[in-house]
Amino acid sequence: MHKNFKNIDKTVFGRGSFDQMDTILAEKRGEHNKFILFIVDNYFKGKPLEKRIPVKPEDVIMFIDVDQYEPTTDQIDGIRDQVLASKGIPAGIVGIGGGSIMDIAKASSLMFTNEGSSTLYQGLNLIKKPGIYHLGVPTISGTGAECSMTAVLTGPVKKLGLKCDWTVFNQLILDPDLIASVPRNWWFYTGMDTFIHCVESENGTLNNTYSHAYAEQALKLCQDVFINEGCGQNAANDEKLMVASLMGGLSLTYSEVGVCHALSYGLSKILGTRHCYANCIAFNHLEDYYPQGVKEFKVMIEKHKIDLPQNLSKDWSDKQITAMAEVAYNLPHMWIHAIGPDWKNTITIDLIKNLYKRL
């Protein structure tokens, strides 16, 4: 059956577009308990951007530190319960930050209208009711979280997203000015998430003309940002990377990710490794699955003098490697895309353990 996916309802793009937020929110403020919940990366607390957020007296603003940990089911349940107890259901949620903040905002919007723990909804189309209005403002580009139908959460048992049509943002504000201050290493790691999305989307059984069109353009933009003359962090490339991130996310929405993301999920779940960084660590050793993509990736690593650690697996116990392999193995949708519907004939726990031992 062909995918019938929902796209973002509205998108505004351009420098200074952040300042349209107040006008955009005005027509939503009368809903539910008539306040907006702002979920903001703690990086911006006390920074100039904080003063530009159109917070009204009745609103709630939460600054969340996402530097150490990716979003968890406990965290989402806690946000929902805290706000419900003090203020009720927001008229809408605004997420301002990187991919983790985007996922927290998307997941929280769903949990205000769906009962119980978010662990009950980790998977495809398990959400029972539409969430509340949610608006995303990415301040770092690459993860594609701003456009995906998945809010990835780590739970007590698994790392898996809340995935349905209602997860997708109702509104995006894409302001390239906001990503200008991203530290160089994270600019690279998150940008590579876009690049890897496209390579995996293109190289698999679910690739098609629709997903290819987005991936092809996103890869060209990534080459401008990371390889071609004029590459690097600058104003023109900020705009290109922001659009590449969106297109890469849309490509994988109508296709799928593959081997690298399966390994990345294991690294994140068992070791707590941040997603984009985990992707880079894994992708660097997957020449036999993505030869051209890894070749280009290594050129980008060299060009931008990024020091990716080697021989990490020597410090991992067999128990840890086995646990990571089990996480990766239990992502059949990724293996079906990467290998084919008969993937279990070739992909085993032992094979995946050997992939981890390369890292």
Protein backbone atom coordinates (compact mmCIF):
# COMPACT_ATOMS: atom_id res chain seq x y z
CA MET A 1 0.00 0.00 0.00
CA HIS A 2 1.31 3.48 -0.86
CA LYS A 3 2.04 5.91 1.94
CA ASN A 4 -0.51 8.68 2.41
CA PHE A 5 1.50 10.97 4.66
CA LYS A 6 0.61 14.35 6.09
CA ASN A 7 2.91 17.29 5.46
CA ILE A 8 3.39 20.43 7.59
CA ASP A 9 0.29 22.65 7.44
CA LYS A 10 2.14 25.97 7.11
CA THR A 11 5.78 27.04 6.70
CA VAL A 12 7.38 30.47 6.73
CA PHE A 13 11.01 30.72 5.57
CA GLY A 14 13.43 33.63 5.61
CA ARG A 15 15.72 35.75 7.72
CA GLY A 16 13.82 37.53 10.46
CA SER A 17 10.77 35.28 10.10
CA PHE A 18 11.04 34.42 13.82
CA ASP A 19 9.45 37.80 14.53
CA GLN A 20 6.21 36.67 12.86
CA MET A 21 5.56 34.22 15.69
CA ASP A 22 3.39 36.57 17.75
CA THR A 23 1.06 37.19 14.82
CA ILE A 24 0.93 33.49 13.95
CA LEU A 25 0.04 32.50 17.54
CA ALA A 26 -2.59 35.22 17.99
CA GLU A 27 -5.31 33.25 16.21
CA LYS A 28 -4.64 30.13 18.32
CA ARG A 29 -4.59 31.66 21.81
CA GLY A 30 -8.33 31.27 22.43
CA GLU A 31 -8.21 27.46 22.41
CA HIS A 32 -8.33 25.11 25.44
CA ASN A 33 -7.06 26.96 28.55
CA LYS A 34 -5.84 29.96 26.56
CA PHE A 35 -2.09 29.88 27.15
CA ILE A 36 0.95 28.88 25.10
CA LEU A 37 3.58 26.43 26.35
CA PHE A 38 7.04 27.39 25.07
CA ILE A 39 9.64 24.59 25.19
CA VAL A 40 13.06 26.13 24.60
CA ASP A 41 16.61 24.77 24.53
CA ASN A 42 18.35 25.86 27.72
CA TYR A 43 21.20 27.20 25.54
CA PHE A 44 19.07 30.29 24.86
CA LYS A 45 18.33 31.14 28.50
CA GLY A 46 19.72 34.61 29.11
CA LYS A 47 20.65 35.02 25.42
CA PRO A 48 19.19 37.71 23.11
CA LEU A 49 16.75 35.22 21.53
CA GLU A 50 14.98 34.73 24.87
CA LYS A 51 13.85 38.36 24.84
CA ARG A 52 12.38 37.94 21.35
CA ILE A 53 10.06 35.09 22.33
CA PRO A 54 6.50 36.52 22.44
CA VAL A 55 5.65 35.24 25.93
CA LYS A 56 2.44 36.67 27.48
CA PRO A 57 1.75 36.79 31.24
CA GLU A 58 -0.50 33.73 31.07
CA ASP A 59 2.03 31.63 29.13
CA VAL A 60 4.43 28.96 30.42
CA ILE A 61 8.05 28.78 29.29
CA MET A 62 10.26 25.76 30.01
CA PHE A 63 13.99 25.80 29.34
CA ILE A 64 15.23 22.25 28.82
CA ASP A 65 18.84 21.08 28.82
CA VAL A 66 19.28 18.58 25.98
CA ASP A 67 23.10 18.55 25.91
CA GLN A 68 23.51 15.27 27.80
CA TYR A 69 20.40 13.21 27.10
CA GLU A 70 17.95 12.62 24.29
CA PRO A 71 14.18 12.87 25.00
CA THR A 72 12.69 10.17 27.19
CA THR A 73 9.18 8.91 27.83
CA ASP A 74 9.49 9.88 31.51
CA GLN A 75 10.42 13.43 30.51
CA ILE A 76 7.39 13.80 28.22
CA ASP A 77 5.02 12.37 30.82
CA GLY A 78 6.49 14.75 33.41
CA ILE A 79 6.02 17.84 31.23
CA ARG A 80 2.41 16.87 30.51
CA ASP A 81 1.56 16.13 34.14
CA GLN A 82 3.24 19.28 35.50
CA VAL A 83 1.49 21.63 33.08
CA LEU A 84 -1.89 19.93 33.40
CA ALA A 85 -1.74 20.19 37.19
CA SER A 86 -0.85 23.88 37.20
CA LYS A 87 -2.53 25.38 34.13
CA GLY A 88 -4.55 22.79 32.20
CA ILE A 89 -4.28 22.09 28.47
CA PRO A 90 -2.33 24.71 26.47
CA ALA A 91 -3.79 26.39 23.42
CA GLY A 92 -0.60 25.35 21.69
CA ILE A 93 3.03 24.35 22.10
CA VAL A 94 6.06 26.08 20.58
CA GLY A 95 9.37 24.21 20.36
CA ILE A 96 12.50 26.35 19.89
CA GLY A 97 15.76 24.43 19.53
CA GLY A 98 17.36 21.45 17.81
CA GLY A 99 16.04 18.01 16.98
CA SER A 100 15.54 16.94 20.60
CA ILE A 101 13.44 20.01 21.36
CA MET A 102 11.43 19.41 18.17
CA ASP A 103 10.71 15.85 19.32
CA ILE A 104 9.80 16.98 22.86
CA ALA A 105 7.35 19.55 21.48
CA LYS A 106 5.77 17.06 19.08
CA ALA A 107 5.45 14.31 21.68
CA SER A 108 4.08 16.67 24.34
CA SER A 109 1.42 17.96 21.96
CA LEU A 110 0.13 14.40 21.57
CA MET A 111 0.26 13.49 25.24
CA PHE A 112 -1.97 16.38 26.35
CA THR A 113 -4.88 14.62 24.63
CA ASN A 114 -3.94 10.94 25.02
CA GLU A 115 -4.21 9.20 28.38
CA GLY A 116 -1.51 7.24 30.15
CA SER A 117 2.22 7.07 29.65
CA SER A 118 3.90 7.87 26.35
CA THR A 119 5.43 4.36 26.52
CA LEU A 120 2.01 3.08 25.40
CA TYR A 121 2.33 4.92 22.10
CA GLN A 122 5.88 4.08 20.98
CA GLY A 123 5.28 2.75 17.49
CA LEU A 124 3.28 3.44 14.33
CA ASN A 125 -0.27 4.84 14.56
CA LEU A 126 -0.82 3.95 18.22
CA ILE A 127 -1.94 7.48 19.15
CA LYS A 128 -5.73 7.55 19.58
CA LYS A 129 -6.56 11.29 19.45
CA PRO A 130 -5.15 14.34 17.64
CA GLY A 131 -2.75 16.40 19.72
CA ILE A 132 -2.91 20.15 20.33
CA TYR A 133 -1.56 22.81 17.98
CA HIS A 134 2.24 22.78 17.80
CA LEU A 135 4.74 25.10 16.13
CA GLY A 136 8.40 24.27 15.49
CA VAL A 137 11.33 26.69 15.29
CA PRO A 138 14.56 24.78 14.52
CA THR A 139 17.76 26.51 15.66
CA ILE A 140 20.07 23.83 14.27
CA SER A 141 19.65 22.06 10.94
CA GLY A 142 20.09 18.46 9.95
CA THR A 143 17.91 16.09 11.94
CA GLY A 144 14.77 16.58 9.85
CA ALA A 145 12.77 16.48 13.10
CA GLU A 146 11.07 19.70 12.02
CA CYS A 147 9.18 17.85 9.29
CA SER A 148 9.06 14.20 10.32
CA MET A 149 5.98 12.35 11.53
CA THR A 150 8.04 10.81 14.34
CA ALA A 151 8.89 12.08 17.82
CA VAL A 152 11.76 9.80 18.85
CA LEU A 153 11.76 8.86 22.56
CA THR A 154 13.91 6.58 24.66
CA GLY A 155 11.78 4.52 27.01
CA PRO A 156 12.57 1.92 29.67
CA VAL A 157 12.35 -0.88 27.10
CA LYS A 158 13.08 0.64 23.69
CA LYS A 159 14.08 3.72 21.74
CA LEU A 160 11.20 4.27 19.32
CA GLY A 161 9.09 7.19 18.15
CA LEU A 162 5.50 8.24 18.54
CA LYS A 163 4.69 8.07 14.84
CA CYS A 164 1.45 9.17 13.21
CA ASP A 165 -0.02 11.96 11.06
CA TRP A 166 -0.80 14.03 14.16
CA THR A 167 2.88 14.18 15.16
CA VAL A 168 3.69 16.52 12.27
CA PHE A 169 3.97 20.22 13.15
CA ASN A 170 1.06 22.48 12.28
CA GLN A 171 3.46 25.36 11.63
CA LEU A 172 7.19 25.83 11.01
CA ILE A 173 9.23 29.00 11.24
CA LEU A 174 12.48 28.51 9.32
CA ASP A 175 14.75 31.45 10.10
CA PRO A 176 18.35 30.89 8.90
CA ASP A 177 19.59 33.61 11.27
CA LEU A 178 18.92 31.25 14.17
CA ILE A 179 21.47 28.62 13.15
CA ALA A 180 24.43 30.98 12.67
CA SER A 181 25.87 30.40 16.16
CA VAL A 182 25.93 26.58 16.12
CA PRO A 183 29.34 25.24 17.30
CA ARG A 184 31.39 23.87 14.38
CA ASN A 185 31.40 20.19 15.42
CA TRP A 186 27.63 20.10 15.98
CA TRP A 187 27.05 22.03 12.76
CA PHE A 188 28.91 19.15 11.08
CA TYR A 189 27.31 16.26 12.98
CA THR A 190 23.74 17.50 12.47
CA GLY A 191 24.45 18.38 8.85
CA MET A 192 25.70 14.86 8.32
CA ASP A 193 22.39 13.56 9.67
CA THR A 194 20.77 15.17 6.62
CA PHE A 195 23.43 13.72 4.32
CA ILE A 196 23.01 10.23 5.83
CA HIS A 197 19.21 10.47 5.65
CA CYS A 198 19.48 11.05 1.91
CA VAL A 199 22.11 8.35 1.28
CA GLU A 200 20.04 5.78 3.15
CA SER A 201 16.78 6.93 1.58
CA GLU A 202 18.29 6.55 -1.90
CA ASN A 203 19.90 3.17 -1.27
CA GLY A 204 17.10 0.85 -0.33
CA THR A 205 14.06 -1.07 -1.46
CA LEU A 206 11.57 1.71 -0.65
CA ASN A 207 13.27 4.44 -2.71
CA ASN A 208 10.99 5.91 -5.36
CA THR A 209 10.69 8.92 -7.67
CA TYR A 210 9.05 11.03 -4.96
CA SER A 211 11.65 10.36 -2.26
CA HIS A 212 14.47 10.56 -4.83
CA ALA A 213 13.49 14.08 -5.92
CA TYR A 214 13.87 15.42 -2.37
CA ALA A 215 17.05 13.45 -1.68
CA GLU A 216 18.72 14.48 -4.93
CA GLN A 217 18.24 18.19 -4.23
CA ALA A 218 19.17 17.86 -0.55
CA LEU A 219 22.41 16.06 -1.48
CA LYS A 220 23.33 18.84 -3.91
CA LEU A 221 22.77 21.40 -1.15
CA CYS A 222 24.89 19.31 1.26
CA GLN A 223 27.70 19.26 -1.30
CA ASP A 224 27.56 23.07 -1.48
CA VAL A 225 27.63 23.33 2.30
CA PHE A 226 30.35 20.73 2.99
CA ILE A 227 32.44 20.08 -0.15
CA ASN A 228 32.17 22.59 -3.01
CA GLU A 229 33.95 25.93 -3.33
CA GLY A 230 32.61 28.34 -0.70
CA CYS A 231 31.71 25.52 1.67
CA GLY A 232 31.66 26.02 5.43
CA GLN A 233 29.64 27.99 7.96
CA ASN A 234 28.40 31.19 6.37
CA ALA A 235 25.10 32.97 5.75
CA ALA A 236 24.45 31.49 2.31
CA ASN A 237 25.17 27.96 3.50
CA ASP A 238 22.98 28.39 6.58
CA GLU A 239 20.03 28.88 4.23
CA LYS A 240 21.03 25.87 2.12
CA LEU A 241 21.48 23.59 5.10
CA MET A 242 18.13 24.60 6.58
CA VAL A 243 16.38 23.69 3.33
CA ALA A 244 18.45 20.51 2.90
CA SER A 245 17.39 19.37 6.37
CA LEU A 246 13.73 19.82 5.48
CA MET A 247 14.09 18.03 2.13
CA GLY A 248 16.13 15.20 3.64
CA GLY A 249 13.44 14.66 6.24
CA LEU A 250 10.73 14.61 3.58
CA SER A 251 12.74 12.15 1.51
CA LEU A 252 13.01 9.60 4.30
CA THR A 253 9.34 10.13 5.20
CA TYR A 254 8.39 8.64 1.85
CA SER A 255 11.26 6.15 1.88
CA GLU A 256 13.14 4.98 4.99
CA VAL A 257 16.50 5.03 6.76
CA GLY A 258 18.78 2.00 6.91
CA VAL A 259 21.81 0.30 8.45
CA CYS A 260 23.42 3.43 9.93
CA HIS A 261 20.31 4.54 11.77
CA ALA A 262 19.70 1.04 13.11
CA LEU A 263 23.22 1.02 14.60
CA SER A 264 22.76 4.59 15.83
CA TYR A 265 19.62 3.65 17.76
CA GLY A 266 21.59 0.94 19.57
CA LEU A 267 24.36 3.39 20.50
CA SER A 268 21.82 5.91 21.80
CA LYS A 269 19.71 3.42 23.74
CA ILE A 270 22.54 1.53 25.46
CA LEU A 271 25.33 4.12 25.72
CA GLY A 272 23.35 7.38 25.61
CA THR A 273 25.26 8.61 22.54
CA ARG A 274 23.64 11.65 20.91
CA HIS A 275 21.87 10.69 17.68
CA CYS A 276 23.71 12.77 15.07
CA TYR A 277 27.11 11.98 16.58
CA ALA A 278 26.20 8.28 16.74
CA ASN A 279 25.27 8.37 13.05
CA CYS A 280 28.68 9.79 12.16
CA ILE A 281 30.52 7.20 14.25
CA ALA A 282 28.61 4.36 12.57
CA PHE A 283 28.47 5.68 9.00
CA ASN A 284 32.27 6.07 8.91
CA HIS A 285 32.56 2.24 8.87
CA LEU A 286 29.79 1.23 6.46
CA GLU A 287 31.62 1.28 3.11
CA ASP A 288 30.26 -2.14 2.16
CA TYR A 289 26.67 -0.86 2.44
CA TYR A 290 27.04 2.73 1.20
CA PRO A 291 30.36 2.94 -0.73
CA GLN A 292 29.84 6.27 -2.52
CA GLY A 293 28.20 7.94 0.47
CA VAL A 294 30.96 6.91 2.89
CA LYS A 295 33.61 8.02 0.38
CA GLU A 296 32.06 11.51 0.26
CA PHE A 297 31.61 11.51 4.03
CA LYS A 298 35.34 10.90 4.55
CA VAL A 299 36.14 13.79 2.20
CA MET A 300 33.91 16.05 4.30
CA ILE A 301 35.55 14.84 7.53
CA GLU A 302 38.97 15.70 6.15
CA LYS A 303 37.93 19.01 4.65
CA HIS A 304 36.44 20.31 7.90
CA LYS A 305 39.08 18.70 10.15
CA ILE A 306 36.56 16.78 12.23
CA ASP A 307 38.20 14.28 14.58
CA LEU A 308 35.94 11.23 14.84
CA PRO A 309 37.15 8.77 17.52
CA GLN A 310 38.28 5.31 16.45
CA ASN A 311 38.46 1.95 18.25
CA LEU A 312 35.60 2.80 20.59
CA SER A 313 34.45 -0.81 20.73
CA LYS A 314 37.57 -1.94 22.60
CA ASP A 315 36.07 -0.36 25.73
CA TRP A 316 32.65 -2.02 25.33
CA SER A 317 31.78 -5.29 27.03
CA ASP A 318 30.25 -8.16 25.09
CA LYS A 319 27.09 -7.58 27.13
CA GLN A 320 26.88 -3.97 25.92
CA ILE A 321 27.54 -4.92 22.30
CA THR A 322 24.92 -7.65 22.45
CA ALA A 323 22.39 -5.23 23.93
CA MET A 324 23.10 -2.69 21.19
CA ALA A 325 22.78 -5.39 18.52
CA GLU A 326 19.40 -6.45 19.92
CA VAL A 327 18.14 -2.85 19.75
CA ALA A 328 19.32 -2.53 16.15
CA TYR A 329 17.93 -5.93 15.11
CA ASN A 330 14.47 -5.05 16.41
CA LEU A 331 14.01 -2.26 13.86
CA PRO A 332 12.66 -4.34 10.95
CA HIS A 333 11.43 -1.38 8.90
CA MET A 334 15.03 -0.14 8.59
CA TRP A 335 16.40 -3.56 7.62
CA ILE A 336 13.60 -4.19 5.12
CA HIS A 337 14.54 -0.95 3.37
CA ALA A 338 18.30 -1.51 3.52
CA ILE A 339 18.40 -5.24 2.70
CA GLY A 340 14.96 -6.33 1.49
CA PRO A 341 11.95 -8.24 2.83
CA ASP A 342 14.10 -11.35 3.32
CA TRP A 343 16.60 -9.44 5.49
CA LYS A 344 16.48 -12.05 8.26
CA ASN A 345 18.23 -14.51 5.92
CA THR A 346 21.41 -12.43 6.10
CA ILE A 347 21.12 -10.05 9.09
CA THR A 348 21.74 -11.76 12.43
CA ILE A 349 22.56 -10.58 15.93
CA ASP A 350 26.14 -11.82 15.42
CA LEU A 351 26.52 -9.89 12.16
CA ILE A 352 25.29 -6.71 13.84
CA LYS A 353 27.65 -7.30 16.77
CA ASN A 354 30.50 -7.45 14.27
CA LEU A 355 29.36 -4.15 12.77
CA TYR A 356 29.56 -2.56 16.21
CA LYS A 357 33.04 -4.04 16.72
CA ARG A 358 34.21 -2.04 13.69
CA LEU A 359 33.51 1.25 15.48
